[in-house]
Amino acid sequence: MKKVEQSIKDFISETIRTIPDFPKEGIQFKDITTLLQDKRALELTSYMLAQPFRHKSVDYVVGLESRGFLFGTNLAQDLNAGFVPVRKPGKLPAKTLSETYALEYGEDQVEIHEDAIFEGAKVIIHDDLIATGGTASAASKLIERLGGVIVGYSFIIELSFLNGRDQLTQNVPVESILIE
């Protein structure tokens, strides 16, 4: 089974293109639009994201704006869970809670509807990529403020050299299909 999983990971990796110096010089942007165009890669990515969590009881998958929405809804459906978006400020129509987090140069913010997560709800946080972990960490704080319990983190790509997983809730599984 490990050989099969590795060949799936290799295939998924081959469908992702890297765009040098985007959005600024020195960044190697991981473009998943090429993965999304390939129906087999799309199917296998959804399968691989759900695998580690199939044995868990999950109430919600929280998808981070904006690429976390692309697979987050599939993941929620595969796990028989609801989907909750975490968005940039001003994008959600009802009353929200917000959390600010540090960027390399400055700050950013994410929001969640204040009625999105019920007390004790089991939550997986999903995004396409984890770099420094700022967005996922901010989402974790929002979920915990609402009384949710984070049972896992899910990513397609992890840029391990940026140590983003160190920013996440301790003793919670972090599952990444591709680790670079």
N, C-alpha and C. Protein backbone atom coordinates (compact mmCIF):
# COMPACT_ATOMS: atom_id res chain seq x y z
N MET A 1 0.82 -1.21 0.00
CA MET A 1 0.00 0.00 0.00
C MET A 1 0.86 1.27 0.00
N LYS A 2 2.00 1.23 0.70
CA LYS A 2 2.90 2.39 0.73
C LYS A 2 3.40 2.75 -0.66
N LYS A 3 3.69 1.72 -1.49
CA LYS A 3 4.14 1.96 -2.86
C LYS A 3 3.06 2.65 -3.68
N VAL A 4 1.82 2.21 -3.49
CA VAL A 4 0.69 2.80 -4.21
C VAL A 4 0.51 4.25 -3.78
N GLU A 5 0.55 4.50 -2.46
CA GLU A 5 0.41 5.87 -1.97
C GLU A 5 1.53 6.76 -2.50
N GLN A 6 2.75 6.25 -2.54
CA GLN A 6 3.86 7.06 -3.05
C GLN A 6 3.69 7.36 -4.54
N SER A 7 3.21 6.40 -5.31
CA SER A 7 3.00 6.66 -6.74
C SER A 7 1.87 7.67 -6.94
N ILE A 8 0.86 7.66 -6.08
CA ILE A 8 -0.21 8.67 -6.15
C ILE A 8 0.38 10.04 -5.82
N LYS A 9 1.18 10.12 -4.77
CA LYS A 9 1.81 11.39 -4.39
C LYS A 9 2.70 11.92 -5.51
N ASP A 10 3.46 11.02 -6.13
CA ASP A 10 4.32 11.43 -7.25
C ASP A 10 3.49 11.99 -8.40
N PHE A 11 2.38 11.32 -8.71
CA PHE A 11 1.50 11.78 -9.78
C PHE A 11 0.92 13.15 -9.46
N ILE A 12 0.43 13.32 -8.24
CA ILE A 12 -0.14 14.61 -7.84
C ILE A 12 0.93 15.70 -7.94
N SER A 13 2.12 15.41 -7.45
CA SER A 13 3.22 16.37 -7.50
C SER A 13 3.53 16.81 -8.94
N GLU A 14 3.50 15.86 -9.85
CA GLU A 14 3.79 16.17 -11.26
C GLU A 14 2.75 17.07 -11.89
N THR A 15 1.54 17.11 -11.33
CA THR A 15 0.48 17.94 -11.93
C THR A 15 0.49 19.37 -11.41
N ILE A 16 1.32 19.66 -10.42
CA ILE A 16 1.39 21.01 -9.84
C ILE A 16 2.57 21.74 -10.47
N ARG A 17 2.29 22.93 -10.99
CA ARG A 17 3.42 23.68 -11.58
C ARG A 17 3.90 24.74 -10.60
N THR A 18 5.18 25.03 -10.71
CA THR A 18 5.80 26.06 -9.88
C THR A 18 6.05 27.28 -10.75
N ILE A 19 5.59 28.43 -10.26
CA ILE A 19 5.78 29.70 -10.97
C ILE A 19 6.83 30.50 -10.20
N PRO A 20 8.03 30.67 -10.79
CA PRO A 20 9.07 31.42 -10.08
C PRO A 20 8.75 32.91 -10.00
N ASP A 21 9.16 33.50 -8.87
CA ASP A 21 9.04 34.95 -8.64
C ASP A 21 7.60 35.46 -8.71
N PHE A 22 6.65 34.65 -8.21
CA PHE A 22 5.25 35.09 -8.13
C PHE A 22 4.75 34.84 -6.73
N PRO A 23 4.11 35.78 -6.11
CA PRO A 23 3.72 37.12 -6.57
C PRO A 23 4.82 38.15 -6.45
N LYS A 24 5.97 37.74 -5.86
CA LYS A 24 7.11 38.66 -5.82
C LYS A 24 8.39 37.86 -5.96
N GLU A 25 9.48 38.58 -6.24
CA GLU A 25 10.76 37.93 -6.47
C GLU A 25 11.17 37.05 -5.29
N GLY A 26 11.67 35.87 -5.61
CA GLY A 26 12.14 34.93 -4.60
C GLY A 26 11.12 33.90 -4.17
N ILE A 27 9.85 34.12 -4.50
CA ILE A 27 8.79 33.17 -4.14
C ILE A 27 8.66 32.15 -5.26
N GLN A 28 8.55 30.89 -4.88
CA GLN A 28 8.28 29.80 -5.83
C GLN A 28 6.82 29.38 -5.63
N PHE A 29 5.90 30.01 -6.36
CA PHE A 29 4.47 29.81 -6.16
C PHE A 29 4.03 28.44 -6.65
N LYS A 30 3.32 27.71 -5.80
CA LYS A 30 2.78 26.39 -6.15
C LYS A 30 1.38 26.58 -6.73
N ASP A 31 1.27 26.42 -8.02
CA ASP A 31 0.02 26.65 -8.76
C ASP A 31 -0.74 25.34 -8.91
N ILE A 32 -1.87 25.21 -8.18
CA ILE A 32 -2.65 23.97 -8.25
C ILE A 32 -3.72 24.01 -9.34
N THR A 33 -3.77 25.08 -10.15
CA THR A 33 -4.78 25.10 -11.21
C THR A 33 -4.53 23.98 -12.21
N THR A 34 -3.30 23.60 -12.40
CA THR A 34 -2.98 22.50 -13.32
C THR A 34 -3.43 21.16 -12.73
N LEU A 35 -3.38 21.02 -11.41
CA LEU A 35 -3.90 19.84 -10.73
C LEU A 35 -5.42 19.78 -10.92
N LEU A 36 -6.07 20.91 -10.74
CA LEU A 36 -7.53 20.97 -10.87
C LEU A 36 -8.01 20.61 -12.28
N GLN A 37 -7.21 20.90 -13.28
CA GLN A 37 -7.58 20.61 -14.67
C GLN A 37 -7.52 19.13 -15.01
N ASP A 38 -6.77 18.37 -14.23
CA ASP A 38 -6.56 16.95 -14.50
C ASP A 38 -7.55 16.14 -13.67
N LYS A 39 -8.54 15.53 -14.33
CA LYS A 39 -9.62 14.86 -13.58
C LYS A 39 -9.11 13.73 -12.69
N ARG A 40 -8.09 13.03 -13.12
CA ARG A 40 -7.55 11.94 -12.30
C ARG A 40 -6.80 12.50 -11.08
N ALA A 41 -6.03 13.56 -11.28
CA ALA A 41 -5.33 14.20 -10.17
C ALA A 41 -6.33 14.79 -9.16
N LEU A 42 -7.39 15.36 -9.67
CA LEU A 42 -8.45 15.91 -8.82
C LEU A 42 -9.05 14.82 -7.94
N GLU A 43 -9.38 13.70 -8.55
CA GLU A 43 -9.97 12.57 -7.83
C GLU A 43 -8.99 12.01 -6.79
N LEU A 44 -7.75 11.81 -7.19
CA LEU A 44 -6.75 11.22 -6.28
C LEU A 44 -6.39 12.17 -5.13
N THR A 45 -6.38 13.46 -5.40
CA THR A 45 -6.10 14.43 -4.34
C THR A 45 -7.22 14.39 -3.30
N SER A 46 -8.46 14.37 -3.75
CA SER A 46 -9.58 14.27 -2.81
C SER A 46 -9.48 12.99 -1.98
N TYR A 47 -9.17 11.90 -2.63
CA TYR A 47 -9.02 10.61 -1.95
C TYR A 47 -7.93 10.69 -0.87
N MET A 48 -6.75 11.22 -1.24
CA MET A 48 -5.62 11.28 -0.32
C MET A 48 -5.88 12.24 0.85
N LEU A 49 -6.62 13.32 0.61
CA LEU A 49 -6.93 14.25 1.70
C LEU A 49 -7.84 13.59 2.73
N ALA A 50 -8.78 12.79 2.28
CA ALA A 50 -9.76 12.17 3.19
C ALA A 50 -9.18 10.98 3.95
N GLN A 51 -8.24 10.25 3.34
CA GLN A 51 -7.73 9.00 3.92
C GLN A 51 -7.37 9.06 5.40
N PRO A 52 -6.57 10.02 5.84
CA PRO A 52 -6.13 10.01 7.25
C PRO A 52 -7.26 10.26 8.25
N PHE A 53 -8.39 10.78 7.77
CA PHE A 53 -9.46 11.20 8.67
C PHE A 53 -10.70 10.32 8.60
N ARG A 54 -10.68 9.29 7.78
CA ARG A 54 -11.87 8.45 7.60
C ARG A 54 -12.33 7.79 8.90
N HIS A 55 -11.41 7.52 9.81
CA HIS A 55 -11.75 6.87 11.07
C HIS A 55 -12.18 7.85 12.15
N LYS A 56 -12.10 9.15 11.88
CA LYS A 56 -12.44 10.16 12.88
C LYS A 56 -13.89 10.62 12.73
N SER A 57 -14.46 10.99 13.83
CA SER A 57 -15.77 11.64 13.83
C SER A 57 -15.50 13.13 13.60
N VAL A 58 -16.06 13.68 12.53
CA VAL A 58 -15.82 15.07 12.16
C VAL A 58 -17.16 15.76 11.92
N ASP A 59 -17.34 16.93 12.55
CA ASP A 59 -18.56 17.70 12.34
C ASP A 59 -18.42 18.71 11.21
N TYR A 60 -17.23 19.35 11.13
CA TYR A 60 -17.00 20.38 10.12
C TYR A 60 -15.59 20.30 9.54
N VAL A 61 -15.50 20.63 8.27
CA VAL A 61 -14.22 20.96 7.65
C VAL A 61 -14.24 22.46 7.45
N VAL A 62 -13.24 23.14 7.97
CA VAL A 62 -13.10 24.58 7.81
C VAL A 62 -12.10 24.81 6.69
N GLY A 63 -12.55 25.48 5.62
CA GLY A 63 -11.69 25.79 4.48
C GLY A 63 -11.21 27.22 4.56
N LEU A 64 -9.91 27.42 4.33
CA LEU A 64 -9.31 28.75 4.40
C LEU A 64 -9.31 29.43 3.04
N GLU A 65 -9.67 30.71 3.05
CA GLU A 65 -9.76 31.47 1.81
C GLU A 65 -8.42 31.49 1.09
N SER A 66 -8.45 31.35 -0.16
CA SER A 66 -9.57 30.96 -0.99
C SER A 66 -9.38 29.55 -1.56
N ARG A 67 -8.13 29.14 -1.68
CA ARG A 67 -7.91 27.82 -2.30
C ARG A 67 -8.30 26.67 -1.37
N GLY A 68 -8.47 26.94 -0.08
CA GLY A 68 -8.96 25.92 0.84
C GLY A 68 -10.41 25.55 0.57
N PHE A 69 -11.11 26.40 -0.18
CA PHE A 69 -12.50 26.10 -0.53
C PHE A 69 -12.56 25.01 -1.61
N LEU A 70 -11.53 24.96 -2.47
CA LEU A 70 -11.57 24.08 -3.63
C LEU A 70 -11.67 22.61 -3.25
N PHE A 71 -10.91 22.17 -2.25
CA PHE A 71 -10.97 20.78 -1.81
C PHE A 71 -11.69 20.63 -0.48
N GLY A 72 -11.86 21.71 0.25
CA GLY A 72 -12.52 21.65 1.55
C GLY A 72 -13.94 21.11 1.48
N THR A 73 -14.68 21.52 0.46
CA THR A 73 -16.06 21.02 0.34
C THR A 73 -16.07 19.54 -0.01
N ASN A 74 -15.16 19.11 -0.89
CA ASN A 74 -15.05 17.67 -1.21
C ASN A 74 -14.68 16.87 0.04
N LEU A 75 -13.73 17.39 0.80
CA LEU A 75 -13.30 16.72 2.02
C LEU A 75 -14.46 16.59 3.00
N ALA A 76 -15.22 17.67 3.15
CA ALA A 76 -16.38 17.64 4.04
C ALA A 76 -17.37 16.57 3.58
N GLN A 77 -17.65 16.55 2.30
CA GLN A 77 -18.59 15.57 1.76
C GLN A 77 -18.07 14.14 1.98
N ASP A 78 -16.79 13.93 1.70
CA ASP A 78 -16.20 12.59 1.89
C ASP A 78 -16.24 12.12 3.33
N LEU A 79 -16.21 13.07 4.28
CA LEU A 79 -16.19 12.73 5.70
C LEU A 79 -17.57 12.87 6.35
N ASN A 80 -18.60 13.11 5.52
CA ASN A 80 -19.96 13.28 6.02
C ASN A 80 -20.03 14.40 7.06
N ALA A 81 -19.40 15.52 6.72
CA ALA A 81 -19.32 16.67 7.61
C ALA A 81 -19.84 17.91 6.89
N GLY A 82 -20.08 18.96 7.65
CA GLY A 82 -20.42 20.25 7.06
C GLY A 82 -19.16 21.00 6.67
N PHE A 83 -19.34 22.08 5.91
CA PHE A 83 -18.22 22.91 5.48
C PHE A 83 -18.43 24.33 6.00
N VAL A 84 -17.36 24.93 6.53
CA VAL A 84 -17.39 26.30 7.04
C VAL A 84 -16.24 27.07 6.41
N PRO A 85 -16.54 28.20 5.74
CA PRO A 85 -15.46 29.02 5.19
C PRO A 85 -14.89 29.99 6.23
N VAL A 86 -13.57 30.17 6.20
CA VAL A 86 -12.90 31.23 6.92
C VAL A 86 -12.37 32.17 5.85
N ARG A 87 -12.76 33.45 5.95
CA ARG A 87 -12.51 34.39 4.86
C ARG A 87 -11.76 35.63 5.31
N LYS A 88 -11.31 36.38 4.32
CA LYS A 88 -10.70 37.68 4.55
C LYS A 88 -11.81 38.63 5.03
N PRO A 89 -11.45 39.74 5.69
CA PRO A 89 -12.45 40.65 6.24
C PRO A 89 -13.44 41.19 5.21
N GLY A 90 -14.70 41.29 5.64
CA GLY A 90 -15.73 41.89 4.81
C GLY A 90 -16.36 40.97 3.78
N LYS A 91 -16.02 39.69 3.77
CA LYS A 91 -16.54 38.76 2.76
C LYS A 91 -17.72 37.92 3.25
N LEU A 92 -17.92 37.83 4.56
CA LEU A 92 -19.01 37.03 5.12
C LEU A 92 -20.16 37.96 5.49
N PRO A 93 -21.41 37.57 5.17
CA PRO A 93 -22.53 38.49 5.33
C PRO A 93 -23.10 38.63 6.73
N ALA A 94 -22.99 37.62 7.59
CA ALA A 94 -23.57 37.68 8.93
C ALA A 94 -22.52 38.17 9.92
N LYS A 95 -22.90 38.23 11.19
CA LYS A 95 -21.99 38.70 12.24
C LYS A 95 -20.79 37.75 12.35
N THR A 96 -19.59 38.33 12.47
CA THR A 96 -18.35 37.53 12.45
C THR A 96 -17.49 37.78 13.67
N LEU A 97 -16.57 36.83 13.88
CA LEU A 97 -15.44 37.01 14.77
C LEU A 97 -14.21 37.12 13.88
N SER A 98 -13.20 37.88 14.31
CA SER A 98 -12.00 38.01 13.49
C SER A 98 -10.76 37.74 14.32
N GLU A 99 -9.71 37.37 13.61
CA GLU A 99 -8.42 37.09 14.23
C GLU A 99 -7.33 37.68 13.34
N THR A 100 -6.43 38.43 13.94
CA THR A 100 -5.31 39.04 13.22
C THR A 100 -4.09 38.15 13.38
N TYR A 101 -3.29 38.07 12.34
CA TYR A 101 -2.05 37.29 12.40
C TYR A 101 -0.95 38.02 11.65
N ALA A 102 0.28 37.69 12.00
CA ALA A 102 1.45 38.38 11.45
C ALA A 102 1.82 37.82 10.09
N LEU A 103 2.20 38.71 9.21
CA LEU A 103 2.80 38.38 7.92
C LEU A 103 4.27 38.75 7.98
N GLU A 104 5.00 38.41 6.93
CA GLU A 104 6.41 38.76 6.88
C GLU A 104 6.59 40.27 7.04
N TYR A 105 5.71 41.04 6.37
CA TYR A 105 5.74 42.50 6.48
C TYR A 105 4.34 42.99 6.76
N GLY A 106 3.96 43.06 8.03
CA GLY A 106 2.64 43.57 8.39
C GLY A 106 1.75 42.52 9.01
N GLU A 107 0.45 42.74 8.87
CA GLU A 107 -0.55 41.85 9.44
C GLU A 107 -1.66 41.59 8.44
N ASP A 108 -2.41 40.53 8.70
CA ASP A 108 -3.61 40.23 7.94
C ASP A 108 -4.64 39.74 8.93
N GLN A 109 -5.82 39.43 8.41
CA GLN A 109 -6.92 39.06 9.28
C GLN A 109 -7.83 38.07 8.58
N VAL A 110 -8.45 37.18 9.35
CA VAL A 110 -9.47 36.27 8.82
C VAL A 110 -10.69 36.32 9.72
N GLU A 111 -11.83 35.93 9.15
CA GLU A 111 -13.10 35.98 9.87
C GLU A 111 -13.88 34.69 9.68
N ILE A 112 -14.77 34.43 10.65
CA ILE A 112 -15.68 33.30 10.62
C ILE A 112 -17.03 33.80 11.14
N HIS A 113 -18.12 33.25 10.63
CA HIS A 113 -19.42 33.59 11.21
C HIS A 113 -19.44 33.15 12.66
N GLU A 114 -19.98 34.00 13.51
CA GLU A 114 -19.96 33.68 14.94
C GLU A 114 -20.87 32.50 15.32
N ASP A 115 -21.75 32.09 14.40
CA ASP A 115 -22.62 30.94 14.66
C ASP A 115 -22.24 29.72 13.81
N ALA A 116 -21.02 29.71 13.29
CA ALA A 116 -20.61 28.66 12.34
C ALA A 116 -20.26 27.33 12.99
N ILE A 117 -19.79 27.37 14.21
CA ILE A 117 -19.29 26.17 14.90
C ILE A 117 -20.01 26.05 16.24
N PHE A 118 -20.57 24.89 16.52
CA PHE A 118 -21.21 24.72 17.83
C PHE A 118 -20.20 24.23 18.86
N GLU A 119 -20.50 24.49 20.11
CA GLU A 119 -19.65 24.09 21.24
C GLU A 119 -19.37 22.59 21.16
N GLY A 120 -18.09 22.22 21.20
CA GLY A 120 -17.69 20.81 21.18
C GLY A 120 -17.60 20.20 19.80
N ALA A 121 -17.90 20.96 18.75
CA ALA A 121 -17.83 20.44 17.37
C ALA A 121 -16.40 20.02 17.05
N LYS A 122 -16.28 18.88 16.36
CA LYS A 122 -14.97 18.37 15.94
C LYS A 122 -14.68 18.90 14.55
N VAL A 123 -13.51 19.55 14.41
CA VAL A 123 -13.20 20.33 13.22
C VAL A 123 -11.85 19.93 12.62
N ILE A 124 -11.82 19.85 11.30
CA ILE A 124 -10.58 19.74 10.54
C ILE A 124 -10.38 21.05 9.79
N ILE A 125 -9.19 21.60 9.86
CA ILE A 125 -8.85 22.82 9.12
C ILE A 125 -8.12 22.41 7.86
N HIS A 126 -8.59 22.93 6.71
CA HIS A 126 -7.99 22.56 5.42
C HIS A 126 -7.58 23.80 4.63
N ASP A 127 -6.43 23.69 3.99
CA ASP A 127 -5.98 24.67 2.99
C ASP A 127 -5.15 23.92 1.96
N ASP A 128 -4.92 24.55 0.83
CA ASP A 128 -4.13 23.87 -0.21
C ASP A 128 -2.67 23.77 0.18
N LEU A 129 -2.18 24.78 0.96
CA LEU A 129 -0.76 24.84 1.25
C LEU A 129 -0.54 25.44 2.63
N ILE A 130 0.42 24.90 3.35
CA ILE A 130 0.87 25.53 4.60
C ILE A 130 2.30 25.99 4.39
N ALA A 131 2.51 27.28 4.66
CA ALA A 131 3.85 27.85 4.58
C ALA A 131 4.28 28.20 6.00
N THR A 132 4.03 29.43 6.44
CA THR A 132 4.44 29.84 7.79
C THR A 132 3.41 29.44 8.85
N GLY A 133 2.22 29.06 8.45
CA GLY A 133 1.19 28.61 9.39
C GLY A 133 0.32 29.71 9.97
N GLY A 134 0.53 30.94 9.55
CA GLY A 134 -0.22 32.07 10.11
C GLY A 134 -1.72 31.99 9.93
N THR A 135 -2.17 31.69 8.72
CA THR A 135 -3.61 31.64 8.45
C THR A 135 -4.25 30.48 9.20
N ALA A 136 -3.65 29.31 9.15
CA ALA A 136 -4.21 28.15 9.85
C ALA A 136 -4.22 28.37 11.36
N SER A 137 -3.20 29.01 11.89
CA SER A 137 -3.15 29.30 13.31
C SER A 137 -4.26 30.27 13.70
N ALA A 138 -4.46 31.31 12.89
CA ALA A 138 -5.54 32.27 13.16
C ALA A 138 -6.90 31.57 13.12
N ALA A 139 -7.10 30.69 12.13
CA ALA A 139 -8.36 29.94 12.04
C ALA A 139 -8.54 29.05 13.27
N SER A 140 -7.46 28.45 13.75
CA SER A 140 -7.53 27.63 14.96
C SER A 140 -8.04 28.44 16.14
N LYS A 141 -7.52 29.64 16.29
CA LYS A 141 -7.95 30.49 17.40
C LYS A 141 -9.42 30.84 17.29
N LEU A 142 -9.89 31.10 16.07
CA LEU A 142 -11.32 31.40 15.88
C LEU A 142 -12.19 30.21 16.27
N ILE A 143 -11.80 29.03 15.82
CA ILE A 143 -12.57 27.82 16.11
C ILE A 143 -12.60 27.56 17.62
N GLU A 144 -11.46 27.73 18.27
CA GLU A 144 -11.40 27.51 19.71
C GLU A 144 -12.21 28.55 20.46
N ARG A 145 -12.25 29.81 19.98
CA ARG A 145 -13.08 30.84 20.61
C ARG A 145 -14.56 30.48 20.52
N LEU A 146 -14.94 29.78 19.46
CA LEU A 146 -16.33 29.35 19.30
C LEU A 146 -16.63 28.05 20.04
N GLY A 147 -15.63 27.45 20.65
CA GLY A 147 -15.84 26.23 21.42
C GLY A 147 -15.61 24.95 20.63
N GLY A 148 -15.12 25.08 19.40
CA GLY A 148 -14.83 23.91 18.58
C GLY A 148 -13.55 23.23 19.02
N VAL A 149 -13.43 21.96 18.65
CA VAL A 149 -12.25 21.15 18.97
C VAL A 149 -11.57 20.77 17.66
N ILE A 150 -10.34 21.15 17.49
CA ILE A 150 -9.60 20.84 16.26
C ILE A 150 -9.08 19.41 16.37
N VAL A 151 -9.49 18.56 15.41
CA VAL A 151 -9.07 17.16 15.42
C VAL A 151 -8.07 16.85 14.32
N GLY A 152 -7.77 17.83 13.46
CA GLY A 152 -6.79 17.61 12.42
C GLY A 152 -6.61 18.82 11.53
N TYR A 153 -5.46 18.83 10.87
CA TYR A 153 -5.13 19.83 9.85
C TYR A 153 -4.87 19.07 8.56
N SER A 154 -5.31 19.63 7.45
CA SER A 154 -5.21 18.96 6.15
C SER A 154 -4.66 19.93 5.11
N PHE A 155 -3.60 19.50 4.43
CA PHE A 155 -2.99 20.34 3.38
C PHE A 155 -2.59 19.46 2.20
N ILE A 156 -2.61 20.03 1.03
CA ILE A 156 -2.09 19.33 -0.15
C ILE A 156 -0.56 19.42 -0.13
N ILE A 157 -0.06 20.64 0.13
CA ILE A 157 1.39 20.89 0.09
C ILE A 157 1.83 21.52 1.41
N GLU A 158 2.95 21.05 1.93
CA GLU A 158 3.56 21.65 3.11
C GLU A 158 4.98 22.08 2.75
N LEU A 159 5.27 23.36 2.94
CA LEU A 159 6.63 23.86 2.75
C LEU A 159 7.34 23.73 4.09
N SER A 160 7.90 22.57 4.35
CA SER A 160 8.42 22.23 5.68
C SER A 160 9.55 23.15 6.14
N PHE A 161 10.31 23.70 5.22
CA PHE A 161 11.43 24.57 5.59
C PHE A 161 10.97 25.87 6.25
N LEU A 162 9.66 26.18 6.17
CA LEU A 162 9.13 27.38 6.82
C LEU A 162 8.54 27.07 8.20
N ASN A 163 8.53 25.79 8.59
CA ASN A 163 8.12 25.36 9.92
C ASN A 163 6.71 25.81 10.33
N GLY A 164 5.79 25.86 9.38
CA GLY A 164 4.43 26.29 9.66
C GLY A 164 3.69 25.43 10.66
N ARG A 165 3.96 24.14 10.66
CA ARG A 165 3.24 23.26 11.59
C ARG A 165 3.55 23.59 13.05
N ASP A 166 4.68 24.27 13.30
CA ASP A 166 5.02 24.68 14.67
C ASP A 166 4.04 25.72 15.22
N GLN A 167 3.31 26.40 14.33
CA GLN A 167 2.35 27.43 14.74
C GLN A 167 0.97 26.84 15.06
N LEU A 168 0.76 25.57 14.75
CA LEU A 168 -0.56 24.96 14.88
C LEU A 168 -0.77 24.36 16.27
N THR A 169 -2.03 24.06 16.57
CA THR A 169 -2.40 23.49 17.86
C THR A 169 -1.59 22.22 18.11
N GLN A 170 -0.92 22.18 19.24
CA GLN A 170 -0.05 21.05 19.59
C GLN A 170 -0.87 19.77 19.79
N ASN A 171 -0.26 18.65 19.51
CA ASN A 171 -0.87 17.32 19.68
C ASN A 171 -2.10 17.09 18.81
N VAL A 172 -2.17 17.82 17.69
CA VAL A 172 -3.24 17.61 16.71
C VAL A 172 -2.56 17.16 15.42
N PRO A 173 -3.04 16.08 14.79
CA PRO A 173 -2.40 15.59 13.57
C PRO A 173 -2.40 16.62 12.45
N VAL A 174 -1.26 16.73 11.78
CA VAL A 174 -1.10 17.57 10.59
C VAL A 174 -0.84 16.62 9.43
N GLU A 175 -1.75 16.59 8.46
CA GLU A 175 -1.63 15.68 7.33
C GLU A 175 -1.40 16.49 6.05
N SER A 176 -0.29 16.23 5.40
CA SER A 176 0.05 16.89 4.14
C SER A 176 0.35 15.81 3.10
N ILE A 177 -0.23 15.95 1.93
CA ILE A 177 0.05 14.96 0.88
C ILE A 177 1.49 15.07 0.41
N LEU A 178 1.92 16.30 0.13
CA LEU A 178 3.27 16.55 -0.38
C LEU A 178 4.02 17.42 0.62
N ILE A 179 5.20 16.99 1.03
CA ILE A 179 6.03 17.76 1.93
C ILE A 179 7.31 18.12 1.19
N GLU A 180 7.54 19.41 1.08
CA GLU A 180 8.73 19.92 0.37
C GLU A 180 9.65 20.64 1.32
